[in-house]
Amino acid sequence: MQSQLKISIITPIYNRVELISEAINSVLDQNYPCFEHIIVDGGSTDGTLSILSNYPHLRVISEPDKGVYDALNKGIQAATGDIIGLLNSDDYYAADTFNQISSLFFRGSKTKVLVGGAKVFIDTKSGREISAEYPSGTIRNLPKKLTTGVPAINAWFFQTNLIKKLGVFDLSYRVAADRHFLITLLKDISFSEIAFTEKFTYFYRQHSSSMTITGQNDYFNEFVFEHLRIAEFFINNRSTPNVLRRACCQWHSKDTSNLVIQNLFSSPSIAWQFVYSGFRHNPFWVFHLFHQIVIHFYNALVEKY
């Protein structure tokens, strides 16, 4: 009989006194005995540390950091488990996730990465409502999921040795280091080492203070410019598999087309810069531009009527 794999859960946190307990309890409620939960606190001042002190099983690192990805890197370096999962301080895991994750890693000896599904929820006066669902998908659509789709990295689980071998999050990306990390991973490992589960393993909370799940576009420009930088890096990298390079090319074309439309009348000179960038990376870029124009006008009509 095989012993259970140890699961390391890493939670970056800063001033989440009202939400952190649900995240912690979702780990405890897994009824999975072989785990560690590492909390990396950036110096909270709202009483978060007092809440954490009520949970003696936690490993708490509390010191200034350079943001969420720096906190995650610290947690990864401190992890001692066989498998790593990333839990945001305002989210939670679905019930019985850890047992299934452990069994799937055991079942496939080649498995180094497991992709689960995620749901987004909103707390309303009438109760908790699901606002979006992101299934795990398949290996065939994974390149698209990581580029123009929603990767939902928190629904993923990783072999610890793999993460420490490939490297941690690149801090030069302030809002998109997770997407850069996943595309790097897909580039550098065999597709046969990635497994999928139909289970929705993770629940994201949609609220105004979330960096990504806000229901608004507060970080739109920052995301887009970092996405372009990531796409260009992998397009120009000779070791990028062709299927992934094509997905990055499609991604780059979509975002440059949207930036042309956004700046066409307000900043024509900036729009032309993106026209040049689009053509430079894809000779068929103009077809993507026309496609995005159609989508833009369709959405405008829907909003009007």
Protein backbone atom coordinates (compact mmCIF):
# COMPACT_ATOMS: atom_id res chain seq x y z
CA MET A 1 0.00 0.00 0.00
CA GLN A 2 1.39 3.38 -1.02
CA SER A 3 1.68 6.13 1.58
CA GLN A 4 -0.26 9.32 0.95
CA LEU A 5 1.43 12.12 -0.93
CA LYS A 6 2.03 15.26 1.09
CA ILE A 7 0.24 18.33 -0.31
CA SER A 8 1.65 21.82 0.28
CA ILE A 9 -0.88 24.64 0.01
CA ILE A 10 0.52 28.15 -0.37
CA THR A 11 -1.58 31.22 0.39
CA PRO A 12 -0.26 34.76 -0.16
CA ILE A 13 -2.10 37.29 1.98
CA TYR A 14 -2.27 40.96 2.85
CA ASN A 15 -5.08 42.46 4.94
CA ARG A 16 -7.76 39.80 4.45
CA VAL A 17 -9.14 39.60 7.98
CA GLU A 18 -12.75 39.15 6.82
CA LEU A 19 -12.11 36.40 4.25
CA ILE A 20 -9.11 34.28 5.24
CA SER A 21 -10.97 31.91 7.61
CA GLU A 22 -13.05 30.39 4.80
CA ALA A 23 -9.91 29.67 2.79
CA ILE A 24 -8.17 28.03 5.75
CA ASN A 25 -11.22 25.99 6.69
CA SER A 26 -11.61 24.73 3.13
CA VAL A 27 -8.21 23.09 3.52
CA LEU A 28 -9.01 21.64 6.95
CA ASP A 29 -12.37 20.35 5.69
CA GLN A 30 -10.63 18.19 3.09
CA ASN A 31 -10.11 15.52 5.79
CA TYR A 32 -6.75 14.80 4.23
CA PRO A 33 -4.14 14.20 6.94
CA CYS A 34 -0.91 14.63 4.99
CA PHE A 35 -0.68 18.35 4.19
CA GLU A 36 0.90 21.63 5.16
CA HIS A 37 -0.62 25.08 4.72
CA ILE A 38 1.93 27.86 4.28
CA ILE A 39 0.65 31.42 4.69
CA VAL A 40 2.90 34.15 3.32
CA ASP A 41 1.81 37.47 4.80
CA GLY A 42 3.11 40.75 3.42
CA GLY A 43 2.78 42.63 6.71
CA SER A 44 -0.96 42.82 7.36
CA THR A 45 -2.18 45.52 9.75
CA ASP A 46 -5.93 44.80 9.87
CA GLY A 47 -6.00 41.91 12.35
CA THR A 48 -5.23 39.16 9.82
CA LEU A 49 -2.30 37.88 11.92
CA SER A 50 -4.59 37.59 14.94
CA ILE A 51 -6.95 35.38 12.91
CA LEU A 52 -4.02 33.26 11.73
CA SER A 53 -2.91 32.71 15.34
CA ASN A 54 -6.16 30.80 15.92
CA TYR A 55 -4.92 28.06 13.57
CA PRO A 56 -1.80 26.46 15.14
CA HIS A 57 -1.29 24.09 12.20
CA LEU A 58 -0.38 26.96 9.84
CA ARG A 59 3.18 27.77 8.81
CA VAL A 60 3.18 31.58 8.72
CA ILE A 61 5.84 33.69 7.03
CA SER A 62 5.20 37.37 7.79
CA GLU A 63 7.50 39.98 6.30
CA PRO A 64 7.44 42.68 3.62
CA ASP A 65 7.35 41.39 0.04
CA LYS A 66 7.26 42.69 -3.52
CA GLY A 67 3.71 41.56 -4.22
CA VAL A 68 1.68 38.39 -4.64
CA TYR A 69 4.15 36.57 -6.92
CA ASP A 70 7.06 37.27 -4.58
CA ALA A 71 4.95 35.84 -1.75
CA LEU A 72 4.19 32.73 -3.81
CA ASN A 73 7.88 32.28 -4.60
CA LYS A 74 8.69 32.37 -0.88
CA GLY A 75 6.02 29.76 -0.21
CA ILE A 76 7.28 27.50 -2.99
CA GLN A 77 10.82 27.64 -1.63
CA ALA A 78 9.52 26.74 1.86
CA ALA A 79 7.27 23.88 0.68
CA THR A 80 8.17 20.35 1.78
CA GLY A 81 5.29 18.44 0.17
CA ASP A 82 5.19 16.26 -2.93
CA ILE A 83 2.45 18.37 -4.56
CA ILE A 84 1.90 22.12 -4.50
CA GLY A 85 -1.42 23.97 -4.74
CA LEU A 86 -1.97 27.73 -4.74
CA LEU A 87 -4.89 29.06 -2.70
CA ASN A 88 -5.85 32.74 -2.70
CA SER A 89 -6.82 34.23 0.65
CA ASP A 90 -10.32 35.13 -0.60
CA ASP A 91 -11.18 31.81 -2.29
CA TYR A 92 -11.71 28.18 -1.27
CA TYR A 93 -11.26 24.56 -2.40
CA ALA A 94 -14.15 22.30 -3.32
CA ALA A 95 -14.86 19.42 -0.93
CA ASP A 96 -12.85 16.18 -1.35
CA THR A 97 -10.37 17.78 -3.74
CA PHE A 98 -7.20 16.59 -2.01
CA ASN A 99 -8.10 12.89 -1.96
CA GLN A 100 -8.89 12.93 -5.65
CA ILE A 101 -5.77 14.93 -6.51
CA SER A 102 -3.57 12.52 -4.56
CA SER A 103 -5.11 9.46 -6.21
CA LEU A 104 -4.71 10.93 -9.71
CA PHE A 105 -1.04 11.69 -9.14
CA PHE A 106 -0.58 8.11 -7.92
CA ARG A 107 -2.60 6.65 -10.77
CA GLY A 108 -0.39 8.09 -13.50
CA SER A 109 3.28 7.71 -12.73
CA LYS A 110 4.09 10.26 -15.44
CA THR A 111 1.76 12.91 -14.04
CA LYS A 112 3.60 16.06 -13.02
CA VAL A 113 0.75 18.55 -13.45
CA LEU A 114 -2.96 18.14 -12.78
CA VAL A 115 -5.52 20.58 -14.21
CA GLY A 116 -8.88 20.98 -12.51
CA GLY A 117 -11.89 23.17 -13.21
CA ALA A 118 -12.84 26.41 -11.46
CA LYS A 119 -16.03 28.32 -10.70
CA VAL A 120 -16.47 32.01 -9.92
CA PHE A 121 -19.00 33.01 -7.26
CA ILE A 122 -20.57 36.22 -6.00
CA ASP A 123 -21.95 36.74 -2.51
CA THR A 124 -25.30 38.51 -2.80
CA LYS A 125 -28.04 39.42 -0.35
CA SER A 126 -29.99 36.36 -1.47
CA GLY A 127 -27.04 33.97 -1.19
CA ARG A 128 -24.02 32.72 -3.08
CA GLU A 129 -24.35 32.65 -6.86
CA ILE A 130 -22.10 31.09 -9.51
CA SER A 131 -21.26 33.70 -12.14
CA ALA A 132 -18.87 31.71 -14.37
CA GLU A 133 -17.45 28.22 -14.88
CA TYR A 134 -14.10 27.24 -16.37
CA PRO A 135 -13.81 23.46 -16.99
CA SER A 136 -10.36 21.90 -16.99
CA GLY A 137 -10.54 21.15 -20.71
CA THR A 138 -8.22 18.79 -22.58
CA ILE A 139 -4.63 18.76 -23.75
CA ARG A 140 -5.85 19.73 -27.21
CA ASN A 141 -7.31 23.05 -26.10
CA LEU A 142 -4.72 23.79 -23.39
CA PRO A 143 -2.58 26.16 -25.54
CA LYS A 144 -5.69 28.27 -26.24
CA LYS A 145 -6.72 28.15 -22.57
CA LEU A 146 -3.33 29.52 -21.51
CA THR A 147 -3.33 32.34 -24.06
CA THR A 148 -6.72 33.72 -25.04
CA GLY A 149 -8.64 31.74 -22.40
CA VAL A 150 -8.81 31.65 -18.60
CA PRO A 151 -6.03 29.41 -17.17
CA ALA A 152 -7.39 29.42 -13.57
CA ILE A 153 -4.00 28.45 -12.13
CA ASN A 154 -5.44 27.97 -8.65
CA ALA A 155 -7.38 24.93 -9.88
CA TRP A 156 -4.05 23.33 -10.88
CA PHE A 157 -1.72 21.17 -8.78
CA PHE A 158 1.99 20.70 -9.47
CA GLN A 159 4.68 18.21 -8.60
CA THR A 160 6.94 20.16 -6.23
CA ASN A 161 10.17 18.95 -7.85
CA LEU A 162 8.92 20.16 -11.22
CA ILE A 163 8.24 23.71 -10.02
CA LYS A 164 11.58 23.97 -8.27
CA LYS A 165 13.33 22.66 -11.38
CA LEU A 166 11.59 24.91 -13.92
CA GLY A 167 11.79 28.02 -11.77
CA VAL A 168 9.37 30.24 -9.93
CA PHE A 169 7.25 33.26 -10.91
CA ASP A 170 8.98 36.01 -12.90
CA LEU A 171 8.60 39.20 -10.85
CA SER A 172 9.04 41.40 -13.92
CA TYR A 173 5.35 40.62 -14.60
CA ARG A 174 3.23 42.41 -12.01
CA VAL A 175 -0.19 41.00 -13.01
CA ALA A 176 0.44 38.16 -15.47
CA ALA A 177 3.34 36.16 -14.03
CA ASP A 178 1.02 33.19 -13.50
CA ARG A 179 0.19 33.01 -17.21
CA HIS A 180 3.88 33.33 -18.11
CA PHE A 181 4.66 30.53 -15.64
CA LEU A 182 2.05 28.15 -17.10
CA ILE A 183 3.10 28.75 -20.71
CA THR A 184 6.73 28.18 -19.72
CA LEU A 185 5.68 24.93 -18.07
CA LEU A 186 3.75 23.81 -21.16
CA LYS A 187 6.77 24.62 -23.33
CA ASP A 188 9.25 22.69 -21.22
CA ILE A 189 7.46 19.46 -20.25
CA SER A 190 5.90 16.63 -22.22
CA PHE A 191 2.16 16.94 -22.85
CA SER A 192 1.87 13.33 -21.59
CA GLU A 193 2.91 14.55 -18.13
CA ILE A 194 -0.22 16.72 -17.80
CA ALA A 195 -3.44 15.12 -16.51
CA PHE A 196 -6.97 16.53 -16.26
CA THR A 197 -9.88 16.02 -13.91
CA GLU A 198 -13.49 16.88 -14.65
CA LYS A 199 -13.90 17.94 -11.03
CA PHE A 200 -14.31 21.65 -10.27
CA THR A 201 -11.60 21.87 -7.66
CA TYR A 202 -11.61 25.60 -6.95
CA PHE A 203 -13.95 28.51 -6.24
CA TYR A 204 -12.92 32.10 -7.01
CA ARG A 205 -14.64 34.93 -5.16
CA GLN A 206 -15.65 37.86 -7.39
CA HIS A 207 -15.38 41.13 -5.51
CA SER A 208 -14.14 44.69 -5.99
CA SER A 209 -10.77 44.29 -4.22
CA SER A 210 -9.67 41.22 -6.19
CA MET A 211 -6.85 41.84 -8.66
CA THR A 212 -8.30 39.60 -11.38
CA ILE A 213 -11.86 38.54 -10.52
CA THR A 214 -13.55 41.93 -10.16
CA GLY A 215 -16.15 41.94 -12.90
CA GLN A 216 -14.53 45.21 -14.05
CA ASN A 217 -11.58 46.22 -16.25
CA ASP A 218 -9.46 48.08 -13.67
CA TYR A 219 -6.27 46.29 -14.71
CA PHE A 220 -7.12 45.95 -18.43
CA ASN A 221 -4.21 47.94 -19.89
CA GLU A 222 -1.63 46.39 -17.59
CA PHE A 223 -2.84 42.88 -18.39
CA VAL A 224 -2.85 43.51 -22.14
CA PHE A 225 0.65 44.98 -22.28
CA GLU A 226 2.08 42.15 -20.20
CA HIS A 227 0.22 39.62 -22.36
CA LEU A 228 1.78 41.10 -25.50
CA ARG A 229 5.21 40.88 -23.95
CA ILE A 230 4.66 37.23 -22.99
CA ALA A 231 3.27 36.33 -26.41
CA GLU A 232 6.20 37.95 -28.22
CA PHE A 233 8.70 36.14 -26.00
CA PHE A 234 7.31 32.71 -26.83
CA ILE A 235 6.73 33.51 -30.52
CA ASN A 236 10.42 34.43 -30.84
CA ASN A 237 11.72 31.55 -28.71
CA ARG A 238 13.04 28.81 -30.97
CA SER A 239 12.30 26.07 -28.42
CA THR A 240 8.58 26.89 -28.29
CA PRO A 241 6.55 23.97 -29.77
CA ASN A 242 4.71 24.93 -32.97
CA VAL A 243 1.26 24.35 -31.47
CA LEU A 244 2.07 26.72 -28.62
CA ARG A 245 3.69 29.28 -30.93
CA ARG A 246 0.54 29.35 -33.08
CA ALA A 247 -1.60 29.94 -30.00
CA CYS A 248 0.67 32.79 -28.89
CA CYS A 249 0.48 34.27 -32.39
CA GLN A 250 -3.33 34.19 -32.30
CA TRP A 251 -3.24 35.75 -28.83
CA HIS A 252 -0.91 38.54 -29.95
CA SER A 253 -3.07 39.25 -33.01
CA LYS A 254 -6.23 39.46 -30.92
CA ASP A 255 -4.75 41.86 -28.37
CA THR A 256 -3.02 44.13 -30.91
CA SER A 257 -6.28 44.29 -32.90
CA ASN A 258 -8.18 45.35 -29.78
CA LEU A 259 -5.55 47.99 -29.01
CA VAL A 260 -5.81 49.38 -32.55
CA ILE A 261 -9.58 49.68 -32.19
CA GLN A 262 -9.24 51.25 -28.73
CA ASN A 263 -6.73 53.91 -29.89
CA LEU A 264 -7.81 54.46 -33.50
CA PHE A 265 -9.59 57.78 -32.94
CA SER A 266 -8.13 58.97 -29.65
CA SER A 267 -4.44 58.21 -30.38
CA PRO A 268 -3.90 57.34 -34.08
CA SER A 269 -0.10 57.28 -33.75
CA ILE A 270 -0.34 54.66 -30.98
CA ALA A 271 -2.85 52.67 -33.05
CA TRP A 272 -0.37 52.55 -35.94
CA GLN A 273 2.31 51.21 -33.61
CA PHE A 274 0.06 48.25 -32.85
CA VAL A 275 -0.75 47.81 -36.55
CA TYR A 276 2.98 47.47 -37.18
CA SER A 277 3.43 45.09 -34.23
CA GLY A 278 0.52 42.96 -35.39
CA PHE A 279 1.80 42.60 -38.96
CA ARG A 280 5.36 42.00 -37.76
CA HIS A 281 4.31 38.88 -35.88
CA ASN A 282 1.53 37.67 -38.18
CA PRO A 283 1.27 38.45 -41.93
CA PHE A 284 -2.44 37.56 -41.75
CA TRP A 285 -3.05 39.95 -38.88
CA VAL A 286 -5.56 42.08 -40.82
CA PHE A 287 -8.08 39.21 -40.74
CA HIS A 288 -7.91 39.23 -36.93
CA LEU A 289 -8.46 42.99 -36.98
CA PHE A 290 -11.63 42.62 -39.07
CA HIS A 291 -12.85 39.86 -36.76
CA GLN A 292 -12.34 42.01 -33.66
CA ILE A 293 -14.06 44.98 -35.36
CA VAL A 294 -17.13 42.80 -35.99
CA ILE A 295 -17.12 41.66 -32.35
CA HIS A 296 -16.68 45.25 -31.16
CA PHE A 297 -19.66 46.56 -33.13
CA TYR A 298 -21.82 43.56 -32.22
CA ASN A 299 -21.16 44.13 -28.51
CA ALA A 300 -21.89 47.83 -28.92
CA LEU A 301 -25.27 47.02 -30.51
CA VAL A 302 -26.12 44.53 -27.76
CA GLU A 303 -25.35 47.14 -25.08
CA LYS A 304 -27.45 49.76 -26.91
CA TYR A 305 -30.54 47.62 -27.36
